[in-house]
Amino acid sequence: MRPVWIIDDDKSIRWVIEKALTREGIAYQSFAAAQDALDALHKGPPQVVISDIRMPGASGLDFMQQLKARLPAIPIIIMTAYSDLESAVAAFQGGAFEYLPKPFDVDHAVELIRRALDESMREIPVAEIVAEAPEILGSAPSMQEVFRAIGRLSQSHATVLITGESGTGKELVAHALHRHSPRAGKPFIAINTAAIPKDLLESELFGHERGAFTGAATMRRGRFEQADGGTLFLDEIGDMPPDLQTRLLRVLSDGQFYRVGGHTPITANVRVIAATHQDLDQRVKQGLFREDLYHRLNVIRLRLPSLRERREDIPLLARHFLAKSARDLKVDAKRLSENALNFLEQQDFPGNVRQLENLCHWITVMAPAQMVEVADLPPDVRGASGGEKTPTAFDSNWKRALEREVAASLGRGEKDIFDGLNRAFEAALITKALEHTGGRRIEAATLLGIGRNTLTRKIQELGLETNQD
């Protein structure tokens, strides 16, 4: 591994970082000026750079600009005693891996350098993570079933009902059904029936004649006419008002309809694909949805799995969305560490794929480093928002196990049960957190919600020191 370059005109800063890296067994080379470092590039590049932002002569930003032009993959940590917004923005816009305000905690600086080293050692270039992605991503068995169904329907004109929770990608599947159908060369028209007021929805679907109502100054073609020969996607069909359900049933039955205020029947050759996140069977039983319309729509049903049912697809989707956000924002793509990916795979994602996409956009904009760790995720995702967590089956299981242990200890006549179980509990928390972070105490303390000094003291008190670096 190549050395870490330390660039700072302050000798004391260089000395502190040098001692810390020596203790960690990390090779380094120090420079008092940015130009000296640039002149040394011909002897071989660094693995990572940690540089002050303001120095006599060339600044840290100048150095970063020149180094990035030659070797764009080398991570650069920018240090500054001027903790202002302009410095932070300039550092990140220039491509900094991280921004480190002075005075800094030495352990924190070493942690950042280790993360930068991990980033620099990865062999897969970010640009290769996701090339031109297919229209729908998923390798989970449940998604493969969806793909097979789309394939089987590729020569069909049948009406399809897509069900699934919000955010599972129902419109994407509708687009795919259209693109892989004989109607692909004709229009695909989508309308969210829940997003349009009831008094406007009829006109939106079927159009209106001039003078049909106040404000109808001209004749207007509705979505059915616009989709003639192609596909009409009716999203959130479960929220359609009862009177419009009746009109829709007639269209599906005989292929004809009237514009609002019109008297001439209009024929449209349209394939209808409907979607809903609601339980239509239940709504039929409740009298909220026409049973005959339900059977008309439910010719072929495709159920999209929630993200909880296809957790193995989360890494693939996350890499895709991070690359997409980076392209949209014209920045380098962020990457999730193995720990962060494993953490996300355990989340429930009630908003499904849409929620994951929004999270990846947040990471692209807000995460401090190119390599994203669990501690870099939003507080609400980490569960650190301060709100009360909803108990899960897992919560109940470990609490019952703890209660059984307490009862057994009392039954054996043991004393100091509180202290003994409390020490065991703390030891388990700290040991597992350190295993999760690879022994990195700052990150472990952040995940546990305690201070680094508190974590160090607990390790000593509990006799865990021998197991840690």
Protein backbone atom coordinates (compact mmCIF):
# COMPACT_ATOMS: atom_id res chain seq x y z
CA MET A 1 0.00 0.00 0.00
CA ARG A 2 1.25 3.48 -0.85
CA PRO A 3 1.76 6.07 1.92
CA VAL A 4 -0.68 8.63 3.26
CA TRP A 5 0.43 12.15 2.42
CA ILE A 6 0.15 14.80 5.14
CA ILE A 7 0.24 18.38 3.83
CA ASP A 8 0.20 21.24 6.34
CA ASP A 9 2.42 24.25 6.97
CA ASP A 10 1.82 23.78 10.73
CA LYS A 11 4.57 21.46 12.00
CA SER A 12 2.61 20.58 15.16
CA ILE A 13 -0.35 19.34 13.12
CA ARG A 14 1.93 17.21 10.98
CA TRP A 15 3.56 15.79 14.11
CA VAL A 16 0.23 14.83 15.72
CA ILE A 17 -0.99 13.03 12.60
CA GLU A 18 2.40 11.36 12.06
CA LYS A 19 2.38 9.94 15.61
CA ALA A 20 -1.19 8.70 15.22
CA LEU A 21 -0.42 6.97 11.91
CA THR A 22 2.76 5.45 13.35
CA ARG A 23 0.70 3.99 16.21
CA GLU A 24 -1.73 2.52 13.66
CA GLY A 25 1.05 1.09 11.50
CA ILE A 26 0.13 3.28 8.51
CA ALA A 27 2.94 4.55 6.27
CA TYR A 28 3.04 8.31 5.64
CA GLN A 29 4.98 11.12 4.03
CA SER A 30 4.77 14.73 5.18
CA PHE A 31 4.99 18.01 3.28
CA ALA A 32 5.03 21.59 4.55
CA ALA A 33 3.67 23.01 1.29
CA ALA A 34 1.28 21.88 -1.42
CA GLN A 35 3.85 22.58 -4.15
CA ASP A 36 6.33 20.22 -2.48
CA ALA A 37 3.71 17.46 -2.66
CA LEU A 38 2.97 18.19 -6.31
CA ASP A 39 6.68 18.05 -7.10
CA ALA A 40 6.88 14.62 -5.42
CA LEU A 41 4.17 13.08 -7.58
CA HIS A 42 6.69 11.90 -10.16
CA LYS A 43 8.17 9.55 -7.54
CA GLY A 44 4.83 7.83 -7.05
CA PRO A 45 1.29 8.79 -6.02
CA PRO A 46 -0.10 8.60 -2.47
CA GLN A 47 -2.83 6.23 -1.32
CA VAL A 48 -4.69 8.99 0.54
CA VAL A 49 -4.06 12.69 1.14
CA ILE A 50 -4.90 14.74 4.24
CA SER A 51 -4.24 18.41 3.53
CA ASP A 52 -4.76 21.79 5.13
CA ILE A 53 -6.95 24.15 3.10
CA ARG A 54 -5.03 27.42 3.64
CA MET A 55 -1.23 27.48 3.35
CA PRO A 56 1.36 29.89 1.96
CA GLY A 57 1.61 29.44 -1.78
CA ALA A 58 -0.73 26.89 -3.33
CA SER A 59 -3.77 26.15 -1.17
CA GLY A 60 -5.18 22.75 -0.33
CA LEU A 61 -7.95 23.38 -2.86
CA ASP A 62 -5.37 24.22 -5.54
CA PHE A 63 -3.52 21.00 -4.76
CA MET A 64 -6.75 18.99 -4.86
CA GLN A 65 -7.70 20.46 -8.24
CA GLN A 66 -4.34 19.53 -9.75
CA LEU A 67 -4.24 16.07 -8.18
CA LYS A 68 -7.81 15.27 -9.26
CA ALA A 69 -6.93 16.27 -12.82
CA ARG A 70 -4.16 13.65 -12.85
CA LEU A 71 -5.39 11.01 -10.40
CA PRO A 72 -9.12 11.49 -9.76
CA ALA A 73 -9.57 8.32 -7.68
CA ILE A 74 -7.26 9.31 -4.78
CA PRO A 75 -9.33 10.32 -1.70
CA ILE A 76 -8.44 13.71 -0.23
CA ILE A 77 -9.36 14.84 3.29
CA ILE A 78 -9.35 18.62 3.63
CA MET A 79 -8.47 20.15 7.03
CA THR A 80 -9.22 23.74 8.00
CA ALA A 81 -9.26 25.97 11.04
CA TYR A 82 -11.84 28.11 9.25
CA SER A 83 -15.06 26.16 9.86
CA ASP A 84 -17.24 28.22 7.57
CA LEU A 85 -19.84 27.27 5.00
CA GLU A 86 -17.77 28.53 2.06
CA SER A 87 -14.81 26.32 2.95
CA ALA A 88 -16.97 23.23 3.33
CA VAL A 89 -18.82 23.84 0.07
CA ALA A 90 -15.59 24.56 -1.82
CA ALA A 91 -13.99 21.39 -0.46
CA PHE A 92 -16.84 19.12 -1.46
CA GLN A 93 -17.35 20.80 -4.82
CA GLY A 94 -13.68 20.19 -5.52
CA GLY A 95 -14.13 16.47 -4.87
CA ALA A 96 -12.96 16.12 -1.26
CA PHE A 97 -13.52 12.75 0.38
CA GLU A 98 -14.16 14.45 3.73
CA TYR A 99 -13.93 17.83 5.44
CA LEU A 100 -12.16 17.93 8.85
CA PRO A 101 -12.48 21.12 10.92
CA LYS A 102 -9.65 22.05 13.31
CA PRO A 103 -9.15 21.42 16.17
CA PHE A 104 -10.01 17.78 15.58
CA ASP A 105 -10.10 14.61 17.64
CA VAL A 106 -7.06 12.52 16.65
CA ASP A 107 -9.00 9.26 16.78
CA HIS A 108 -11.63 10.80 14.50
CA ALA A 109 -8.94 11.87 12.04
CA VAL A 110 -7.47 8.35 12.02
CA GLU A 111 -10.95 6.91 11.49
CA LEU A 112 -11.45 9.16 8.45
CA ILE A 113 -8.05 8.17 7.07
CA ARG A 114 -8.90 4.48 7.49
CA ARG A 115 -12.17 4.97 5.66
CA ALA A 116 -10.36 6.81 2.88
CA LEU A 117 -7.83 3.95 2.67
CA ASP A 118 -10.67 1.43 2.41
CA GLU A 119 -12.18 3.50 -0.40
CA SER A 120 -8.89 3.75 -2.29
CA MET A 121 -8.28 0.00 -2.07
CA ARG A 122 -11.54 -0.98 -3.71
CA GLU A 123 -10.99 -2.43 -7.14
CA ILE A 124 -14.35 -1.71 -8.81
CA PRO A 125 -14.51 1.79 -10.30
CA VAL A 126 -17.65 3.68 -9.40
CA ALA A 127 -18.44 4.20 -13.06
CA GLU A 128 -18.73 0.45 -13.51
CA ILE A 129 -21.27 -0.09 -10.74
CA VAL A 130 -24.28 0.47 -12.94
CA ALA A 131 -24.17 0.90 -16.68
CA GLU A 132 -27.40 1.30 -18.60
CA ALA A 133 -29.77 -0.46 -16.21
CA PRO A 134 -32.76 -2.45 -17.38
CA GLU A 135 -36.20 -0.93 -16.97
CA ILE A 136 -36.98 -2.93 -13.82
CA LEU A 137 -34.32 -4.32 -11.48
CA GLY A 138 -34.63 -7.43 -9.35
CA SER A 139 -33.02 -10.83 -8.94
CA ALA A 140 -35.24 -12.07 -6.11
CA PRO A 141 -37.46 -15.08 -6.99
CA SER A 142 -40.61 -12.99 -6.46
CA MET A 143 -39.41 -10.44 -9.03
CA GLN A 144 -38.41 -13.16 -11.46
CA GLU A 145 -42.03 -14.31 -11.35
CA VAL A 146 -43.10 -10.79 -12.32
CA PHE A 147 -40.62 -10.77 -15.21
CA ARG A 148 -41.89 -14.14 -16.42
CA ALA A 149 -45.48 -12.86 -16.31
CA ILE A 150 -44.55 -9.80 -18.38
CA GLY A 151 -42.90 -12.13 -20.88
CA ARG A 152 -45.97 -14.37 -21.11
CA LEU A 153 -48.17 -11.31 -21.68
CA SER A 154 -45.93 -9.87 -24.41
CA GLN A 155 -48.30 -10.91 -27.20
CA SER A 156 -51.50 -10.30 -25.26
CA HIS A 157 -54.06 -7.49 -25.25
CA ALA A 158 -55.61 -8.73 -21.98
CA THR A 159 -56.65 -6.36 -19.21
CA VAL A 160 -54.20 -6.53 -16.29
CA LEU A 161 -54.69 -5.63 -12.63
CA ILE A 162 -51.46 -4.80 -10.78
CA THR A 163 -51.61 -4.94 -7.00
CA GLY A 164 -48.98 -4.10 -4.42
CA GLU A 165 -48.07 -1.60 -1.73
CA SER A 166 -47.32 2.02 -2.56
CA GLY A 167 -43.84 2.48 -3.96
CA THR A 168 -43.39 -1.06 -5.31
CA GLY A 169 -43.17 0.09 -8.94
CA LYS A 170 -46.64 -0.56 -10.33
CA GLU A 171 -46.34 2.12 -13.03
CA LEU A 172 -42.93 0.76 -14.09
CA VAL A 173 -44.52 -2.64 -14.61
CA ALA A 174 -47.39 -1.07 -16.55
CA HIS A 175 -44.85 0.67 -18.80
CA ALA A 176 -43.03 -2.65 -19.30
CA LEU A 177 -46.27 -4.42 -20.21
CA HIS A 178 -46.94 -1.75 -22.81
CA ARG A 179 -43.41 -1.70 -24.24
CA HIS A 180 -43.39 -5.48 -24.64
CA SER A 181 -46.86 -5.68 -26.21
CA PRO A 182 -48.17 -5.42 -29.77
CA ARG A 183 -49.29 -1.88 -28.83
CA ALA A 184 -45.75 -0.63 -28.15
CA GLY A 185 -45.82 1.79 -31.09
CA LYS A 186 -49.00 3.47 -29.82
CA PRO A 187 -49.50 5.86 -26.86
CA PHE A 188 -49.10 4.91 -23.22
CA ILE A 189 -51.34 7.21 -21.18
CA ALA A 190 -51.27 7.17 -17.38
CA ILE A 191 -53.68 8.77 -14.94
CA ASN A 192 -53.84 8.62 -11.16
CA THR A 193 -57.55 8.45 -10.41
CA ALA A 194 -56.99 9.33 -6.74
CA ALA A 195 -55.12 12.55 -7.55
CA ILE A 196 -57.91 14.21 -9.58
CA PRO A 197 -61.03 15.73 -7.97
CA LYS A 198 -64.21 13.73 -8.57
CA ASP A 199 -65.92 16.49 -10.56
CA LEU A 200 -62.96 16.71 -12.97
CA LEU A 201 -62.15 13.02 -13.28
CA GLU A 202 -65.00 12.22 -15.67
CA SER A 203 -63.89 14.92 -18.09
CA GLU A 204 -60.28 13.83 -17.70
CA LEU A 205 -61.12 10.25 -18.65
CA PHE A 206 -63.76 10.75 -21.34
CA GLY A 207 -63.26 14.34 -22.50
CA HIS A 208 -65.98 16.98 -22.89
CA GLU A 209 -67.83 18.91 -25.57
CA ARG A 210 -67.68 22.66 -25.88
CA GLY A 211 -70.11 24.28 -23.45
CA ALA A 212 -70.62 21.07 -21.46
CA PHE A 213 -69.99 23.00 -18.24
CA THR A 214 -68.75 26.40 -17.10
CA GLY A 215 -65.24 26.91 -18.43
CA ALA A 216 -65.54 24.32 -21.23
CA ALA A 217 -64.70 26.80 -23.99
CA THR A 218 -63.50 24.17 -26.42
CA MET A 219 -63.95 20.48 -27.06
CA ARG A 220 -61.40 18.32 -25.25
CA ARG A 221 -60.38 14.73 -25.93
CA GLY A 222 -60.12 12.56 -22.83
CA ARG A 223 -57.50 9.99 -21.88
CA PHE A 224 -59.40 7.14 -23.53
CA GLU A 225 -59.28 8.90 -26.89
CA GLN A 226 -55.64 9.89 -26.40
CA ALA A 227 -54.74 6.25 -25.74
CA ASP A 228 -56.57 4.90 -28.81
CA GLY A 229 -54.64 1.90 -30.15
CA GLY A 230 -52.38 1.91 -27.11
CA THR A 231 -52.56 1.44 -23.36
CA LEU A 232 -54.38 3.38 -20.64
CA PHE A 233 -52.94 2.96 -17.15
CA LEU A 234 -55.44 3.69 -14.38
CA ASP A 235 -53.50 4.02 -11.15
CA GLU A 236 -55.19 3.79 -7.72
CA ILE A 237 -58.33 2.37 -9.33
CA GLY A 238 -59.64 1.42 -5.90
CA ASP A 239 -60.37 5.10 -5.16
CA MET A 240 -62.53 5.66 -8.25
CA PRO A 241 -65.99 7.13 -7.37
CA PRO A 242 -68.96 4.72 -7.81
CA ASP A 243 -70.62 6.62 -10.70
CA LEU A 244 -67.38 6.60 -12.68
CA GLN A 245 -66.97 2.90 -11.94
CA THR A 246 -70.23 2.39 -13.79
CA ARG A 247 -69.06 4.40 -16.81
CA LEU A 248 -65.74 2.56 -16.87
CA LEU A 249 -67.56 -0.78 -16.80
CA ARG A 250 -69.55 0.21 -19.89
CA VAL A 251 -66.39 1.17 -21.76
CA LEU A 252 -64.74 -2.15 -20.90
CA SER A 253 -67.89 -4.02 -21.90
CA ASP A 254 -68.62 -2.50 -25.32
CA GLY A 255 -65.62 -0.25 -26.07
CA GLN A 256 -67.79 2.86 -26.42
CA PHE A 257 -68.27 6.00 -24.33
CA TYR A 258 -69.61 9.56 -24.55
CA ARG A 259 -67.76 12.78 -23.88
CA VAL A 260 -69.22 14.88 -21.07
CA GLY A 261 -72.08 16.82 -22.67
CA GLY A 262 -71.87 14.71 -25.83
CA HIS A 263 -74.49 12.58 -27.59
CA THR A 264 -72.37 10.74 -30.15
CA PRO A 265 -70.83 7.45 -29.04
CA ILE A 266 -67.04 7.26 -29.43
CA THR A 267 -65.19 4.01 -29.96
CA ALA A 268 -61.65 3.60 -28.63
CA ASN A 269 -59.42 0.55 -28.99
CA VAL A 270 -57.65 0.73 -25.63
CA ARG A 271 -55.96 -1.84 -23.46
CA VAL A 272 -56.59 -1.02 -19.80
CA ILE A 273 -54.02 -1.74 -17.12
CA ALA A 274 -55.23 -0.86 -13.63
CA ALA A 275 -53.33 -0.72 -10.36
CA THR A 276 -54.14 -0.35 -6.70
CA HIS A 277 -52.49 -0.67 -3.30
CA GLN A 278 -55.87 -1.50 -1.74
CA ASP A 279 -57.51 -4.87 -1.18
CA LEU A 280 -60.19 -4.80 -3.89
CA ASP A 281 -61.76 -8.03 -2.64
CA GLN A 282 -62.39 -6.34 0.68
CA ARG A 283 -63.68 -3.16 -0.95
CA VAL A 284 -66.13 -5.24 -3.00
CA LYS A 285 -67.41 -6.85 0.22
CA GLN A 286 -67.78 -3.40 1.77
CA GLY A 287 -69.80 -2.18 -1.23
CA LEU A 288 -67.14 0.39 -2.14
CA PHE A 289 -66.16 -1.19 -5.46
CA ARG A 290 -68.41 -2.77 -8.09
CA GLU A 291 -68.02 -6.52 -8.21
CA ASP A 292 -68.72 -6.70 -11.96
CA LEU A 293 -66.04 -4.05 -12.64
CA TYR A 294 -63.64 -5.92 -10.40
CA HIS A 295 -64.07 -9.08 -12.48
CA ARG A 296 -63.64 -7.08 -15.69
CA LEU A 297 -60.33 -5.68 -14.44
CA ASN A 298 -59.10 -8.84 -12.76
CA VAL A 299 -58.52 -10.81 -15.98
CA ILE A 300 -54.80 -11.14 -15.28
CA ARG A 301 -53.50 -10.16 -11.86
CA LEU A 302 -49.89 -9.29 -11.13
CA ARG A 303 -48.92 -8.86 -7.50
CA LEU A 304 -45.75 -6.86 -6.90
CA PRO A 305 -43.77 -7.91 -3.83
CA SER A 306 -42.88 -5.38 -1.17
CA LEU A 307 -39.21 -4.57 -0.66
CA ARG A 308 -39.40 -6.52 2.62
CA GLU A 309 -40.12 -9.64 0.54
CA ARG A 310 -37.10 -9.11 -1.72
CA ARG A 311 -34.42 -7.84 0.65
CA GLU A 312 -31.71 -9.45 -1.46
CA ASP A 313 -32.47 -6.85 -4.15
CA ILE A 314 -31.70 -3.90 -1.86
CA PRO A 315 -27.94 -3.73 -2.67
CA LEU A 316 -28.62 -3.88 -6.42
CA LEU A 317 -31.32 -1.22 -6.23
CA ALA A 318 -29.26 1.01 -3.94
CA ARG A 319 -26.26 0.96 -6.28
CA HIS A 320 -28.54 1.75 -9.22
CA PHE A 321 -30.23 4.68 -7.47
CA LEU A 322 -26.92 6.09 -6.18
CA ALA A 323 -25.49 6.01 -9.70
CA LYS A 324 -28.68 7.56 -11.09
CA SER A 325 -28.65 10.38 -8.52
CA ALA A 326 -24.99 11.03 -9.24
CA ARG A 327 -25.68 11.31 -12.97
CA ASP A 328 -28.64 13.63 -12.37
CA LEU A 329 -26.61 15.89 -10.05
CA LYS A 330 -23.38 15.57 -12.08
CA VAL A 331 -21.32 14.41 -9.09
CA ASP A 332 -19.30 11.32 -8.25
CA ALA A 333 -21.45 8.39 -7.13
CA LYS A 334 -21.44 7.56 -3.43
CA ARG A 335 -20.98 3.95 -2.36
CA LEU A 336 -22.37 2.02 0.58
CA SER A 337 -20.04 0.00 2.78
CA GLU A 338 -20.81 -3.64 3.44
CA ASN A 339 -21.99 -2.70 6.94
CA ALA A 340 -24.33 -0.05 5.54
CA LEU A 341 -25.72 -2.44 2.92
CA ASN A 342 -26.27 -5.12 5.56
CA PHE A 343 -28.02 -2.54 7.75
CA LEU A 344 -30.33 -1.42 4.92
CA GLU A 345 -31.20 -5.03 4.10
CA GLN A 346 -32.65 -5.34 7.62
CA GLN A 347 -34.94 -2.31 7.28
CA ASP A 348 -38.66 -2.69 6.57
CA PHE A 349 -38.95 0.20 4.03
CA PRO A 350 -42.71 0.85 4.34
CA GLY A 351 -42.38 3.13 1.30
CA ASN A 352 -40.71 0.30 -0.62
CA VAL A 353 -38.56 1.00 -3.69
CA ARG A 354 -39.64 4.65 -3.84
CA GLN A 355 -38.45 5.16 -0.27
CA LEU A 356 -35.10 3.52 -1.05
CA GLU A 357 -34.70 5.77 -4.11
CA ASN A 358 -35.40 8.87 -2.00
CA LEU A 359 -32.89 7.65 0.59
CA CYS A 360 -30.22 7.21 -2.09
CA HIS A 361 -30.86 10.74 -3.33
CA TRP A 362 -30.44 12.02 0.25
CA ILE A 363 -27.17 10.09 0.55
CA THR A 364 -25.86 11.56 -2.71
CA VAL A 365 -26.52 15.09 -1.47
CA MET A 366 -25.88 14.84 2.26
CA ALA A 367 -23.54 11.93 3.11
CA PRO A 368 -20.13 13.36 4.07
CA ALA A 369 -17.87 10.81 2.34
CA GLN A 370 -17.81 8.80 -0.85
CA MET A 371 -17.89 5.57 1.15
CA VAL A 372 -21.10 5.71 3.19
CA GLU A 373 -21.22 4.02 6.59
CA VAL A 374 -24.21 3.33 8.85
CA ALA A 375 -23.42 6.46 10.86
CA ASP A 376 -23.78 8.55 7.68
CA LEU A 377 -27.40 7.49 7.07
CA PRO A 378 -30.29 9.81 8.05
CA PRO A 379 -31.24 9.71 11.75
CA ASP A 380 -34.75 8.43 11.00
CA VAL A 381 -33.28 5.47 9.11
CA ARG A 382 -30.77 4.72 11.88
CA GLY A 383 -33.59 4.88 14.42
CA ALA A 384 -31.96 7.81 16.15
CA SER A 385 -34.73 10.33 15.57
CA GLY A 386 -35.74 10.31 19.21
CA GLY A 387 -39.20 8.97 18.49
CA GLU A 388 -40.59 5.93 20.26
CA LYS A 389 -39.93 2.76 18.32
CA THR A 390 -42.75 0.38 17.63
CA PRO A 391 -42.13 -2.95 19.42
CA THR A 392 -41.39 -5.84 17.09
CA ALA A 393 -41.56 -9.61 17.49
CA PHE A 394 -37.79 -9.52 18.00
CA ASP A 395 -38.18 -7.00 20.84
CA SER A 396 -40.70 -9.28 22.55
CA ASN A 397 -38.52 -12.38 22.14
CA TRP A 398 -35.42 -10.99 23.79
CA LYS A 399 -37.44 -9.38 26.56
CA ARG A 400 -39.11 -12.71 27.33
CA ALA A 401 -35.71 -14.40 27.33
CA LEU A 402 -34.44 -11.77 29.77
CA GLU A 403 -37.45 -12.28 32.01
CA ARG A 404 -36.83 -16.03 32.05
CA GLU A 405 -33.19 -15.47 33.01
CA VAL A 406 -34.21 -13.14 35.86
CA ALA A 407 -36.75 -15.67 37.11
CA ALA A 408 -34.17 -18.48 36.98
CA SER A 409 -31.59 -16.39 38.85
CA LEU A 410 -34.12 -15.54 41.55
CA GLY A 411 -35.10 -19.19 41.79
CA ARG A 412 -31.45 -20.18 42.35
CA GLY A 413 -31.18 -17.64 45.16
CA GLU A 414 -28.51 -15.60 43.40
CA LYS A 415 -27.61 -12.11 44.62
CA ASP A 416 -26.51 -8.94 42.81
CA ILE A 417 -28.64 -9.99 39.86
CA PHE A 418 -29.07 -6.42 38.64
CA ASP A 419 -25.33 -5.75 38.43
CA GLY A 420 -24.55 -9.11 36.85
CA LEU A 421 -27.19 -8.92 34.12
CA ASN A 422 -26.48 -5.26 33.49
CA ARG A 423 -22.77 -6.00 32.92
CA ALA A 424 -23.65 -8.88 30.61
CA PHE A 425 -26.06 -6.66 28.68
CA GLU A 426 -23.50 -3.86 28.26
CA ALA A 427 -20.77 -6.32 27.29
CA ALA A 428 -22.99 -7.86 24.60
CA LEU A 429 -23.90 -4.43 23.21
CA ILE A 430 -20.31 -3.21 23.05
CA THR A 431 -18.84 -6.46 21.73
CA LYS A 432 -21.36 -6.75 18.91
CA ALA A 433 -21.07 -3.04 18.02
CA LEU A 434 -17.28 -3.35 17.76
CA GLU A 435 -17.60 -6.50 15.67
CA HIS A 436 -20.03 -4.63 13.41
CA THR A 437 -17.60 -1.71 12.92
CA GLY A 438 -14.45 -3.81 12.63
CA GLY A 439 -13.14 -2.53 15.96
CA ARG A 440 -13.59 1.16 15.13
CA ARG A 441 -14.55 2.67 18.47
CA ILE A 442 -15.78 6.06 17.27
CA GLU A 443 -18.23 4.47 14.86
CA ALA A 444 -19.32 1.91 17.50
CA ALA A 445 -19.93 4.67 20.04
CA THR A 446 -21.99 6.61 17.48
CA LEU A 447 -24.15 3.57 16.71
CA LEU A 448 -24.69 2.86 20.41
CA GLY A 449 -25.49 6.50 21.13
CA ILE A 450 -22.75 7.00 23.73
CA GLY A 451 -19.57 9.07 23.83
CA ARG A 452 -16.21 7.66 22.76
CA ASN A 453 -14.78 8.21 26.25
CA THR A 454 -17.73 6.39 27.77
CA LEU A 455 -17.17 3.46 25.42
CA THR A 456 -13.46 3.31 26.32
CA ARG A 457 -14.26 3.38 30.04
CA LYS A 458 -16.89 0.63 29.68
CA ILE A 459 -14.43 -1.56 27.74
CA GLN A 460 -11.94 -1.24 30.61
CA GLU A 461 -14.56 -1.79 33.32
CA LEU A 462 -16.01 -4.88 31.65
CA GLY A 463 -12.62 -6.45 30.91
CA LEU A 464 -13.09 -6.29 27.15
CA GLU A 465 -9.76 -4.58 26.50
CA THR A 466 -7.94 -7.82 25.70
CA ASN A 467 -10.37 -8.52 22.86
CA GLN A 468 -9.92 -5.16 21.16
CA ASP A 469 -7.14 -3.49 19.20
